[in-house]
Amino acid sequence: MAEEVVRIPQHRHCIRCGKAFVGEGGYCTDLCRDTKQAELKASKRKLLAMWGISALIVIAAIVLTVL
């Protein structure tokens, strides 16, 4: 008994949710695209804040050692 091989069409996977879709771009829907962009923006803000706080701590440490 030979098993039939089921072929799926050429597709991509959404960058955000991983759902398979046929088409161009990296996202399955506009909602996924907008949500991912909002997540990236929030992540960038957090990273910038951490860098800023780290810089302030280093500057404070330098100033305290000089005094």
Protein backbone atom coordinates (compact mmCIF):
# COMPACT_ATOMS: atom_id res chain seq x y z
CA MET A 1 0.00 0.00 0.00
CA ALA A 2 1.60 3.24 -1.15
CA GLU A 3 1.02 6.38 0.84
CA GLU A 4 0.20 9.55 -1.02
CA VAL A 5 2.48 12.49 -0.43
CA VAL A 6 0.49 15.61 0.32
CA ARG A 7 2.20 18.71 -1.00
CA ILE A 8 1.57 22.09 0.57
CA PRO A 9 1.86 25.29 -1.47
CA GLN A 10 4.89 27.54 -1.15
CA HIS A 11 4.28 29.69 1.93
CA ARG A 12 5.88 31.90 4.57
CA HIS A 13 5.51 32.08 8.33
CA CYS A 14 4.45 35.23 10.17
CA ILE A 15 7.31 36.89 12.06
CA ARG A 16 5.08 37.60 15.05
CA CYS A 17 2.69 34.66 15.45
CA GLY A 18 4.29 31.95 13.28
CA LYS A 19 1.11 31.27 11.31
CA ALA A 20 1.68 30.04 7.74
CA PHE A 21 0.42 32.30 4.96
CA VAL A 22 0.75 32.69 1.22
CA GLY A 23 1.82 36.11 -0.01
CA GLU A 24 4.43 38.80 0.28
CA GLY A 25 5.87 40.41 3.38
CA GLY A 26 6.71 39.00 6.74
CA TYR A 27 3.35 39.21 8.50
CA CYS A 28 0.08 37.35 8.01
CA THR A 29 -2.13 40.39 8.79
CA ASP A 30 -1.87 44.11 9.36
CA LEU A 31 -2.73 43.50 13.01
CA CYS A 32 0.34 41.27 13.43
CA ARG A 33 2.53 43.87 11.72
CA ASP A 34 1.23 46.71 13.88
CA THR A 35 1.51 44.66 17.08
CA LYS A 36 5.09 43.62 16.31
CA GLN A 37 6.08 47.21 15.53
CA ALA A 38 4.59 48.35 18.84
CA GLU A 39 6.49 45.59 20.67
CA LEU A 40 9.75 46.62 18.98
CA LYS A 41 9.19 50.26 19.83
CA ALA A 42 8.60 49.40 23.51
CA SER A 43 11.68 47.18 23.53
CA LYS A 44 13.82 49.97 22.06
CA ARG A 45 12.55 52.40 24.70
CA LYS A 46 13.43 49.97 27.50
CA LEU A 47 16.90 49.40 26.05
CA LEU A 48 17.53 53.14 25.72
CA ALA A 49 16.41 53.67 29.32
CA MET A 50 18.75 50.93 30.54
CA TRP A 51 21.68 52.46 28.64
CA GLY A 52 20.86 55.87 30.10
CA ILE A 53 20.66 54.55 33.65
CA SER A 54 23.92 52.62 33.16
CA ALA A 55 25.65 55.76 31.91
CA LEU A 56 24.40 57.73 34.92
CA ILE A 57 25.66 55.04 37.31
CA VAL A 58 29.11 55.04 35.68
CA ILE A 59 29.29 58.85 35.79
CA ALA A 60 28.18 58.85 39.44
CA ALA A 61 30.81 56.24 40.31
CA ILE A 62 33.54 58.29 38.62
CA VAL A 63 32.46 61.46 40.38
CA LEU A 64 32.32 59.74 43.78
CA THR A 65 35.81 58.26 43.35
CA VAL A 66 37.23 61.67 42.45
CA LEU A 67 35.74 63.29 45.54
